Amino acid sequence: MIISRKVQFRLNVFFVTVAILSVIVFSMYELGYLDELFIILAKDNYIFYWMMLVGVLAEVVAGSMGMGYGVICTTTLLFLGIPPHAVSASIHSAESFTTAAGSISHIRLKNVSKSLVKKLAVPAVFGAILGAVSLTYLGEYYSKITKTIISFYTLYLGIQILSNAFKNKQDKKLKKKTNLTRLGLAGGIY
């Protein structure tokens, strides 16, 4: 059996990663840090494990449909009683890696419209900063109102995702009336 260079490279990366993680976990065990880690994780009723399970299940759904990770995770983590600013930070941290991987794939396949990226990038970055700062300050002081707004917004997004799944496929060309600045700003804030 002949293995291509790409497959061989991926196998090598996988085995090196497993070896490094094994050394780290074994070192933590031998030095007694694992016991301390389990004590810390037990203090908050093992919420970390629940968050990890939600993330894995949401990624399975998002991987099969191509969307829905943020909606599923936001809804579930708010239901578990996690503050909105912590929900946003954890979801966006996790999405950073999957989005980076998808972006690299699209760039390599030359599926990226550079003019569209230029029009969306600045408003999206500004919106992301505005959304993170406002959620950090307003999310703590007005958590009940923030949770309600986020819950209704994720409900709306969930309905949109489900309705798009059952729609007939249409031409996906951008309409000339689309305001890309507002779209980038709104996408960045969420």
Protein backbone atom coordinates (compact mmCIF):
# COMPACT_ATOMS: atom_id res chain seq x y z
CA MET A 1 0.00 0.00 0.00
CA ILE A 2 1.36 3.39 -1.04
CA ILE A 3 0.68 6.36 1.23
CA SER A 4 0.74 9.85 -0.26
CA ARG A 5 2.93 12.56 1.22
CA LYS A 6 -0.07 14.50 2.56
CA VAL A 7 -1.41 11.46 4.41
CA GLN A 8 2.05 10.63 5.74
CA PHE A 9 2.50 14.23 6.94
CA ARG A 10 -0.88 14.20 8.69
CA LEU A 11 -0.08 10.89 10.37
CA ASN A 12 3.25 12.26 11.56
CA VAL A 13 1.57 15.39 12.95
CA PHE A 14 -1.06 13.24 14.67
CA PHE A 15 1.52 10.96 16.31
CA VAL A 16 3.73 13.87 17.41
CA THR A 17 0.67 15.61 18.91
CA VAL A 18 -0.38 12.45 20.77
CA ALA A 19 3.18 11.98 22.04
CA ILE A 20 3.43 15.57 23.29
CA LEU A 21 0.03 15.40 24.99
CA SER A 22 0.96 12.07 26.59
CA VAL A 23 4.18 13.54 27.99
CA ILE A 24 2.29 16.57 29.35
CA VAL A 25 -0.44 14.49 31.00
CA PHE A 26 2.07 12.01 32.45
CA SER A 27 4.22 14.87 33.78
CA MET A 28 1.19 16.52 35.36
CA TYR A 29 0.24 13.19 36.95
CA GLU A 30 3.71 12.55 38.33
CA LEU A 31 4.09 16.08 39.72
CA GLY A 32 0.66 15.96 41.37
CA TYR A 33 -0.86 18.71 39.24
CA LEU A 34 -3.65 16.48 37.96
CA ASP A 35 -5.09 16.12 41.46
CA GLU A 36 -5.10 19.89 41.86
CA LEU A 37 -6.71 20.27 38.44
CA PHE A 38 -9.50 17.82 39.33
CA ILE A 39 -10.11 19.66 42.62
CA ILE A 40 -10.40 22.97 40.76
CA LEU A 41 -12.77 21.44 38.18
CA ALA A 42 -14.93 19.92 40.93
CA LYS A 43 -15.44 23.31 42.62
CA ASP A 44 -17.85 24.50 39.94
CA ASN A 45 -19.87 21.26 39.71
CA TYR A 46 -17.83 20.00 36.74
CA ILE A 47 -19.19 22.75 34.46
CA PHE A 48 -16.03 22.44 32.33
CA TYR A 49 -16.99 18.91 31.32
CA TRP A 50 -20.53 20.01 30.47
CA MET A 51 -19.13 22.83 28.36
CA MET A 52 -16.80 20.42 26.60
CA LEU A 53 -19.66 18.00 25.88
CA VAL A 54 -21.84 20.82 24.52
CA GLY A 55 -18.97 21.99 22.31
CA VAL A 56 -18.37 18.52 20.87
CA LEU A 57 -22.06 17.94 20.14
CA ALA A 58 -22.48 21.42 18.65
CA GLU A 59 -19.42 20.87 16.46
CA VAL A 60 -20.91 17.60 15.20
CA VAL A 61 -24.06 19.48 14.18
CA ALA A 62 -22.11 22.41 12.72
CA GLY A 63 -19.81 20.05 10.83
CA SER A 64 -22.72 18.22 9.27
CA MET A 65 -24.81 21.32 8.45
CA GLY A 66 -22.08 23.92 8.06
CA MET A 67 -23.64 26.21 10.68
CA GLY A 68 -25.25 26.30 14.09
CA TYR A 69 -22.29 25.99 16.47
CA GLY A 70 -22.74 29.39 18.10
CA VAL A 71 -26.51 29.08 18.36
CA ILE A 72 -26.41 25.65 20.02
CA CYS A 73 -23.57 26.51 22.39
CA THR A 74 -25.00 29.90 23.38
CA THR A 75 -28.41 28.46 24.17
CA THR A 76 -27.05 25.53 26.15
CA LEU A 77 -24.45 27.47 28.11
CA LEU A 78 -26.95 30.18 29.06
CA PHE A 79 -29.28 27.39 30.20
CA LEU A 80 -26.45 26.06 32.41
CA GLY A 81 -26.30 29.46 34.12
CA ILE A 82 -23.02 30.72 32.71
CA PRO A 83 -22.83 34.55 32.46
CA PRO A 84 -23.27 35.99 28.94
CA HIS A 85 -19.76 37.46 28.72
CA ALA A 86 -18.22 34.08 29.63
CA VAL A 87 -20.45 32.33 27.07
CA SER A 88 -19.36 34.73 24.35
CA ALA A 89 -15.68 34.43 25.23
CA SER A 90 -15.69 30.62 25.33
CA ILE A 91 -17.64 30.23 22.09
CA HIS A 92 -15.58 32.75 20.16
CA SER A 93 -12.36 31.22 21.46
CA ALA A 94 -13.40 27.81 20.19
CA GLU A 95 -14.72 29.18 16.90
CA SER A 96 -11.42 30.95 16.25
CA PHE A 97 -9.68 27.66 15.52
CA THR A 98 -12.41 26.17 13.31
CA THR A 99 -12.84 29.44 11.45
CA ALA A 100 -9.09 29.70 10.89
CA ALA A 101 -8.99 26.15 9.52
CA GLY A 102 -11.93 26.84 7.21
CA SER A 103 -10.41 30.13 6.06
CA ILE A 104 -7.09 28.49 5.24
CA SER A 105 -8.93 25.82 3.27
CA HIS A 106 -10.90 28.40 1.29
CA ILE A 107 -7.77 30.46 0.58
CA ARG A 108 -5.93 27.37 -0.66
CA LEU A 109 -8.88 26.45 -2.91
CA LYS A 110 -9.08 30.06 -4.14
CA ASN A 111 -12.70 30.48 -3.02
CA VAL A 112 -12.14 33.93 -1.52
CA SER A 113 -13.33 37.20 -3.04
CA LYS A 114 -10.65 39.69 -2.04
CA SER A 115 -12.87 42.68 -2.79
CA LEU A 116 -15.59 41.29 -0.52
CA VAL A 117 -13.08 40.66 2.28
CA LYS A 118 -11.80 44.24 1.98
CA LYS A 119 -15.34 45.62 2.27
CA LEU A 120 -16.30 43.42 5.24
CA ALA A 121 -13.08 43.30 7.29
CA VAL A 122 -12.93 46.76 8.87
CA PRO A 123 -16.64 46.97 9.90
CA ALA A 124 -16.49 43.38 11.20
CA VAL A 125 -13.44 44.07 13.38
CA PHE A 126 -15.03 47.28 14.69
CA GLY A 127 -18.28 45.40 15.38
CA ALA A 128 -16.42 42.61 17.18
CA ILE A 129 -14.67 45.08 19.46
CA LEU A 130 -17.91 46.98 20.09
CA GLY A 131 -19.82 43.75 20.83
CA ALA A 132 -17.16 42.34 23.16
CA VAL A 133 -16.75 45.56 25.13
CA SER A 134 -20.49 46.18 25.48
CA LEU A 135 -21.16 42.57 26.49
CA THR A 136 -18.37 42.68 29.05
CA TYR A 137 -19.68 45.83 30.74
CA LEU A 138 -23.42 45.51 30.17
CA GLY A 139 -23.50 41.71 30.48
CA GLU A 140 -22.39 41.80 34.10
CA TYR A 141 -24.63 44.59 35.33
CA TYR A 142 -27.73 43.80 33.30
CA SER A 143 -27.37 40.03 33.01
CA LYS A 144 -31.11 39.26 33.09
CA ILE A 145 -31.85 41.67 30.26
CA THR A 146 -28.79 40.55 28.31
CA LYS A 147 -29.72 36.87 28.69
CA THR A 148 -33.25 37.60 27.47
CA ILE A 149 -32.03 39.51 24.41
CA ILE A 150 -29.46 36.84 23.57
CA SER A 151 -32.03 34.07 24.05
CA PHE A 152 -34.51 35.67 21.65
CA TYR A 153 -31.75 36.37 19.15
CA THR A 154 -30.53 32.76 19.22
CA LEU A 155 -34.14 31.57 18.91
CA TYR A 156 -34.48 33.74 15.80
CA LEU A 157 -31.20 32.40 14.40
CA GLY A 158 -32.24 28.81 15.13
CA ILE A 159 -35.52 29.31 13.25
CA GLN A 160 -33.61 30.85 10.34
CA ILE A 161 -31.17 27.93 10.22
CA LEU A 162 -33.99 25.38 10.24
CA SER A 163 -35.98 27.28 7.61
CA ASN A 164 -32.90 27.50 5.37
CA ALA A 165 -32.47 23.74 5.65
CA PHE A 166 -35.89 23.16 4.09
CA LYS A 167 -35.82 25.97 1.48
CA ASN A 168 -35.37 25.35 -2.20
CA LYS A 169 -31.89 26.27 -3.38
CA GLN A 170 -31.72 29.69 -5.01
CA ASP A 171 -29.11 31.65 -6.86
CA LYS A 172 -26.58 32.80 -4.27
CA LYS A 173 -25.36 35.95 -6.05
CA LEU A 174 -25.17 39.02 -3.87
CA LYS A 175 -27.87 41.56 -4.54
CA LYS A 176 -26.64 45.02 -5.43
CA LYS A 177 -28.74 46.50 -2.60
CA THR A 178 -26.79 44.62 0.09
CA ASN A 179 -25.05 47.06 2.42
CA LEU A 180 -21.81 45.26 3.20
CA THR A 181 -20.75 47.77 5.84
CA ARG A 182 -23.86 47.13 7.95
CA LEU A 183 -23.56 43.39 7.32
CA GLY A 184 -19.93 43.32 8.52
CA LEU A 185 -20.73 45.48 11.56
CA ALA A 186 -23.72 43.33 12.60
CA GLY A 187 -21.78 40.10 12.02
CA GLY A 188 -18.89 41.40 14.08
CA ILE A 189 -21.10 42.45 16.98
CA TYR A 190 -22.67 39.01 17.19
